[in-house]
Amino acid sequence: AANTFCKGQSGNPKAGKSAEWVKG
């Protein structure tokens, strides 16, 4: 979904990241 709808958008470093990445 991030690659399809959110390319070029910025502001949330956690968008499209895995749950493990977000937890860290």
PDB file of all heavy atoms in Angstrom:
ATOM      1  N   ALA A   1       0.828  -1.205   0.000  1.00  0.00           N
ATOM      2  CA  ALA A   1       0.000   0.000   0.000  1.00  0.00           C
ATOM      3  C   ALA A   1       0.860   1.251   0.000  1.00  0.00           C
ATOM      4  O   ALA A   1       0.556   2.236  -0.691  1.00  0.00           O
ATOM      5  CB  ALA A   1      -0.926  -0.006   1.207  1.00  0.00           C
ATOM      6  N   ALA A   2       1.947   1.244   0.756  1.00  0.00           N
ATOM      7  CA  ALA A   2       2.840   2.411   0.803  1.00  0.00           C
ATOM      8  C   ALA A   2       3.480   2.666  -0.551  1.00  0.00           C
ATOM      9  O   ALA A   2       3.580   3.812  -1.001  1.00  0.00           O
ATOM     10  CB  ALA A   2       3.901   2.204   1.875  1.00  0.00           C
ATOM     11  N   ASN A   3       3.901   1.593  -1.213  1.00  0.00           N
ATOM     12  CA  ASN A   3       4.517   1.753  -2.540  1.00  0.00           C
ATOM     13  C   ASN A   3       3.504   2.174  -3.597  1.00  0.00           C
ATOM     14  O   ASN A   3       3.855   2.827  -4.584  1.00  0.00           O
ATOM     15  CB  ASN A   3       5.180   0.442  -2.967  1.00  0.00           C
ATOM     16  CG  ASN A   3       6.407   0.116  -2.140  1.00  0.00           C
ATOM     17  OD1 ASN A   3       7.048   1.007  -1.594  1.00  0.00           O
ATOM     18  ND2 ASN A   3       6.738  -1.163  -2.029  1.00  0.00           N
ATOM     19  N   THR A   4       2.233   1.800  -3.387  1.00  0.00           N
ATOM     20  CA  THR A   4       1.195   2.100  -4.374  1.00  0.00           C
ATOM     21  C   THR A   4       0.606   3.491  -4.201  1.00  0.00           C
ATOM     22  O   THR A   4       0.409   4.229  -5.181  1.00  0.00           O
ATOM     23  CB  THR A   4       0.068   1.059  -4.285  1.00  0.00           C
ATOM     24  OG1 THR A   4       0.617  -0.254  -4.471  1.00  0.00           O
ATOM     25  CG2 THR A   4      -0.998   1.307  -5.355  1.00  0.00           C
ATOM     26  N   PHE A   5       0.337   3.879  -2.951  1.00  0.00           N
ATOM     27  CA  PHE A   5      -0.415   5.114  -2.701  1.00  0.00           C
ATOM     28  C   PHE A   5       0.396   6.231  -2.054  1.00  0.00           C
ATOM     29  O   PHE A   5      -0.056   7.380  -2.032  1.00  0.00           O
ATOM     30  CB  PHE A   5      -1.620   4.813  -1.807  1.00  0.00           C
ATOM     31  CG  PHE A   5      -2.522   3.738  -2.334  1.00  0.00           C
ATOM     32  CD1 PHE A   5      -2.578   2.496  -1.728  1.00  0.00           C
ATOM     33  CD2 PHE A   5      -3.314   3.964  -3.448  1.00  0.00           C
ATOM     34  CE1 PHE A   5      -3.406   1.503  -2.212  1.00  0.00           C
ATOM     35  CE2 PHE A   5      -4.151   2.978  -3.939  1.00  0.00           C
ATOM     36  CZ  PHE A   5      -4.193   1.730  -3.334  1.00  0.00           C
ATOM     37  N   CYS A   6       1.554   5.944  -1.506  1.00  0.00           N
ATOM     38  CA  CYS A   6       2.231   6.930  -0.669  1.00  0.00           C
ATOM     39  C   CYS A   6       3.585   7.378  -1.205  1.00  0.00           C
ATOM     40  O   CYS A   6       4.346   8.032  -0.490  1.00  0.00           O
ATOM     41  CB  CYS A   6       2.416   6.380   0.749  1.00  0.00           C
ATOM     42  SG  CYS A   6       0.893   5.780   1.503  1.00  0.00           S
ATOM     43  N   LYS A   7       3.919   7.032  -2.421  1.00  0.00           N
ATOM     44  CA  LYS A   7       5.206   7.464  -2.963  1.00  0.00           C
ATOM     45  C   LYS A   7       5.242   8.982  -3.092  1.00  0.00           C
ATOM     46  O   LYS A   7       4.275   9.595  -3.542  1.00  0.00           O
ATOM     47  CB  LYS A   7       5.442   6.824  -4.328  1.00  0.00           C
ATOM     48  CG  LYS A   7       5.875   5.362  -4.237  1.00  0.00           C
ATOM     49  CD  LYS A   7       6.272   4.822  -5.591  1.00  0.00           C
ATOM     50  CE  LYS A   7       6.823   3.407  -5.463  1.00  0.00           C
ATOM     51  NZ  LYS A   7       7.238   2.870  -6.771  1.00  0.00           N
ATOM     52  N   GLY A   8       6.331   9.567  -2.696  1.00  0.00           N
ATOM     53  CA  GLY A   8       6.473  11.020  -2.781  1.00  0.00           C
ATOM     54  C   GLY A   8       5.986  11.738  -1.556  1.00  0.00           C
ATOM     55  O   GLY A   8       6.224  12.928  -1.394  1.00  0.00           O
ATOM     56  N   GLN A   9       5.287  11.023  -0.662  1.00  0.00           N
ATOM     57  CA  GLN A   9       4.819  11.666   0.571  1.00  0.00           C
ATOM     58  C   GLN A   9       5.858  11.469   1.665  1.00  0.00           C
ATOM     59  O   GLN A   9       6.575  10.474   1.709  1.00  0.00           O
ATOM     60  CB  GLN A   9       3.485  11.062   1.011  1.00  0.00           C
ATOM     61  CG  GLN A   9       2.359  11.260   0.011  1.00  0.00           C
ATOM     62  CD  GLN A   9       1.016  10.852   0.584  1.00  0.00           C
ATOM     63  OE1 GLN A   9       0.818  10.909   1.786  1.00  0.00           O
ATOM     64  NE2 GLN A   9       0.102  10.467  -0.277  1.00  0.00           N
ATOM     65  N   SER A  10       5.925  12.421   2.551  1.00  0.00           N
ATOM     66  CA  SER A  10       6.873  12.335   3.659  1.00  0.00           C
ATOM     67  C   SER A  10       6.205  12.856   4.924  1.00  0.00           C
ATOM     68  O   SER A  10       5.115  13.391   4.885  1.00  0.00           O
ATOM     69  CB  SER A  10       8.134  13.172   3.358  1.00  0.00           C
ATOM     70  OG  SER A  10       7.789  14.529   3.158  1.00  0.00           O
ATOM     71  N   GLY A  11       6.872  12.691   6.024  1.00  0.00           N
ATOM     72  CA  GLY A  11       6.344  13.201   7.289  1.00  0.00           C
ATOM     73  C   GLY A  11       6.211  12.130   8.354  1.00  0.00           C
ATOM     74  O   GLY A  11       6.212  12.426   9.536  1.00  0.00           O
ATOM     75  N   ASN A  12       6.068  10.860   7.966  1.00  0.00           N
ATOM     76  CA  ASN A  12       5.965   9.797   8.946  1.00  0.00           C
ATOM     77  C   ASN A  12       7.028   8.742   8.654  1.00  0.00           C
ATOM     78  O   ASN A  12       6.887   7.960   7.714  1.00  0.00           O
ATOM     79  CB  ASN A  12       4.569   9.163   8.910  1.00  0.00           C
ATOM     80  CG  ASN A  12       4.416   8.087   9.969  1.00  0.00           C
ATOM     81  OD1 ASN A  12       5.300   7.883  10.795  1.00  0.00           O
ATOM     82  ND2 ASN A  12       3.290   7.396   9.947  1.00  0.00           N
ATOM     83  N   PRO A  13       8.086   8.690   9.432  1.00  0.00           N
ATOM     84  CA  PRO A  13       9.156   7.726   9.158  1.00  0.00           C
ATOM     85  C   PRO A  13       8.711   6.279   9.338  1.00  0.00           C
ATOM     86  O   PRO A  13       9.395   5.363   8.884  1.00  0.00           O
ATOM     87  CB  PRO A  13      10.237   8.106  10.182  1.00  0.00           C
ATOM     88  CG  PRO A  13       9.481   8.760  11.291  1.00  0.00           C
ATOM     89  CD  PRO A  13       8.350   9.506  10.627  1.00  0.00           C
ATOM     90  N   LYS A  14       7.558   6.059  10.011  1.00  0.00           N
ATOM     91  CA  LYS A  14       7.113   4.697  10.287  1.00  0.00           C
ATOM     92  C   LYS A  14       6.179   4.151   9.218  1.00  0.00           C
ATOM     93  O   LYS A  14       5.828   2.972   9.256  1.00  0.00           O
ATOM     94  CB  LYS A  14       6.415   4.652  11.655  1.00  0.00           C
ATOM     95  CG  LYS A  14       7.329   5.024  12.805  1.00  0.00           C
ATOM     96  CD  LYS A  14       6.656   4.877  14.147  1.00  0.00           C
ATOM     97  CE  LYS A  14       5.663   5.973  14.418  1.00  0.00           C
ATOM     98  NZ  LYS A  14       5.084   5.891  15.770  1.00  0.00           N
ATOM     99  N   ALA A  15       5.758   4.981   8.280  1.00  0.00           N
ATOM    100  CA  ALA A  15       4.824   4.531   7.246  1.00  0.00           C
ATOM    101  C   ALA A  15       5.438   3.421   6.407  1.00  0.00           C
ATOM    102  O   ALA A  15       6.544   3.547   5.899  1.00  0.00           O
ATOM    103  CB  ALA A  15       4.422   5.702   6.356  1.00  0.00           C
ATOM    104  N   GLY A  16       4.713   2.319   6.277  1.00  0.00           N
ATOM    105  CA  GLY A  16       5.175   1.204   5.466  1.00  0.00           C
ATOM    106  C   GLY A  16       6.243   0.338   6.101  1.00  0.00           C
ATOM    107  O   GLY A  16       6.700  -0.613   5.474  1.00  0.00           O
ATOM    108  N   LYS A  17       6.642   0.634   7.332  1.00  0.00           N
ATOM    109  CA  LYS A  17       7.675  -0.159   7.997  1.00  0.00           C
ATOM    110  C   LYS A  17       7.043  -1.369   8.680  1.00  0.00           C
ATOM    111  O   LYS A  17       5.852  -1.397   8.977  1.00  0.00           O
ATOM    112  CB  LYS A  17       8.413   0.692   9.033  1.00  0.00           C
ATOM    113  CG  LYS A  17       9.162   1.878   8.442  1.00  0.00           C
ATOM    114  CD  LYS A  17      10.311   1.430   7.554  1.00  0.00           C
ATOM    115  CE  LYS A  17      11.144   2.607   7.094  1.00  0.00           C
ATOM    116  NZ  LYS A  17      12.278   2.191   6.237  1.00  0.00           N
ATOM    117  N   SER A  18       7.867  -2.367   8.952  1.00  0.00           N
ATOM    118  CA  SER A  18       7.385  -3.569   9.626  1.00  0.00           C
ATOM    119  C   SER A  18       7.083  -3.261  11.093  1.00  0.00           C
ATOM    120  O   SER A  18       7.565  -2.263  11.653  1.00  0.00           O
ATOM    121  CB  SER A  18       8.437  -4.678   9.548  1.00  0.00           C
ATOM    122  OG  SER A  18       9.566  -4.356  10.356  1.00  0.00           O
ATOM    123  N   ALA A  19       6.295  -4.141  11.693  1.00  0.00           N
ATOM    124  CA  ALA A  19       5.931  -3.945  13.105  1.00  0.00           C
ATOM    125  C   ALA A  19       7.159  -3.981  14.006  1.00  0.00           C
ATOM    126  O   ALA A  19       7.245  -3.229  14.979  1.00  0.00           O
ATOM    127  CB  ALA A  19       4.934  -5.015  13.541  1.00  0.00           C
ATOM    128  N   GLU A  20       8.133  -4.846  13.711  1.00  0.00           N
ATOM    129  CA  GLU A  20       9.346  -4.919  14.520  1.00  0.00           C
ATOM    130  C   GLU A  20      10.124  -3.609  14.440  1.00  0.00           C
ATOM    131  O   GLU A  20      10.629  -3.110  15.438  1.00  0.00           O
ATOM    132  CB  GLU A  20      10.230  -6.079  14.043  1.00  0.00           C
ATOM    133  CG  GLU A  20       9.657  -7.441  14.340  1.00  0.00           C
ATOM    134  CD  GLU A  20       9.457  -7.673  15.808  1.00  0.00           C
ATOM    135  OE1 GLU A  20      10.398  -7.436  16.581  1.00  0.00           O
ATOM    136  OE2 GLU A  20       8.355  -8.084  16.200  1.00  0.00           O
ATOM    137  N   TRP A  21      10.207  -3.033  13.254  1.00  0.00           N
ATOM    138  CA  TRP A  21      10.899  -1.760  13.062  1.00  0.00           C
ATOM    139  C   TRP A  21      10.215  -0.674  13.868  1.00  0.00           C
ATOM    140  O   TRP A  21      10.873   0.130  14.545  1.00  0.00           O
ATOM    141  CB  TRP A  21      10.892  -1.415  11.575  1.00  0.00           C
ATOM    142  CG  TRP A  21      11.827  -0.313  11.166  1.00  0.00           C
ATOM    143  CD1 TRP A  21      13.062  -0.441  10.629  1.00  0.00           C
ATOM    144  CD2 TRP A  21      11.580   1.109  11.244  1.00  0.00           C
ATOM    145  NE1 TRP A  21      13.624   0.791  10.372  1.00  0.00           N
ATOM    146  CE2 TRP A  21      12.736   1.767  10.740  1.00  0.00           C
ATOM    147  CE3 TRP A  21      10.516   1.879  11.688  1.00  0.00           C
ATOM    148  CZ2 TRP A  21      12.841   3.152  10.679  1.00  0.00           C
ATOM    149  CZ3 TRP A  21      10.618   3.264  11.638  1.00  0.00           C
ATOM    150  CH2 TRP A  21      11.767   3.896  11.128  1.00  0.00           C
ATOM    151  N   VAL A  22       8.886  -0.621  13.799  1.00  0.00           N
ATOM    152  CA  VAL A  22       8.122   0.411  14.513  1.00  0.00           C
ATOM    153  C   VAL A  22       8.284   0.267  16.020  1.00  0.00           C
ATOM    154  O   VAL A  22       8.399   1.265  16.740  1.00  0.00           O
ATOM    155  CB  VAL A  22       6.632   0.347  14.107  1.00  0.00           C
ATOM    156  CG1 VAL A  22       5.798   1.276  14.989  1.00  0.00           C
ATOM    157  CG2 VAL A  22       6.468   0.728  12.642  1.00  0.00           C
ATOM    158  N   LYS A  23       8.309  -0.963  16.522  1.00  0.00           N
ATOM    159  CA  LYS A  23       8.467  -1.179  17.966  1.00  0.00           C
ATOM    160  C   LYS A  23       9.817  -0.639  18.442  1.00  0.00           C
ATOM    161  O   LYS A  23       9.909   0.008  19.487  1.00  0.00           O
ATOM    162  CB  LYS A  23       8.343  -2.660  18.285  1.00  0.00           C
ATOM    163  CG  LYS A  23       6.936  -3.204  18.136  1.00  0.00           C
ATOM    164  CD  LYS A  23       6.923  -4.715  18.210  1.00  0.00           C
ATOM    165  CE  LYS A  23       5.544  -5.281  17.914  1.00  0.00           C
ATOM    166  NZ  LYS A  23       5.548  -6.759  17.849  1.00  0.00           N
ATOM    167  N   GLY A  24      10.865  -0.908  17.672  1.00  0.00           N
ATOM    168  CA  GLY A  24      12.182  -0.386  18.040  1.00  0.00           C
ATOM    169  C   GLY A  24      12.226   1.126  17.968  1.00  0.00           C
ATOM    170  O   GLY A  24      12.793   1.791  18.849  1.00  0.00           O
TER     171      GLY A  24
END
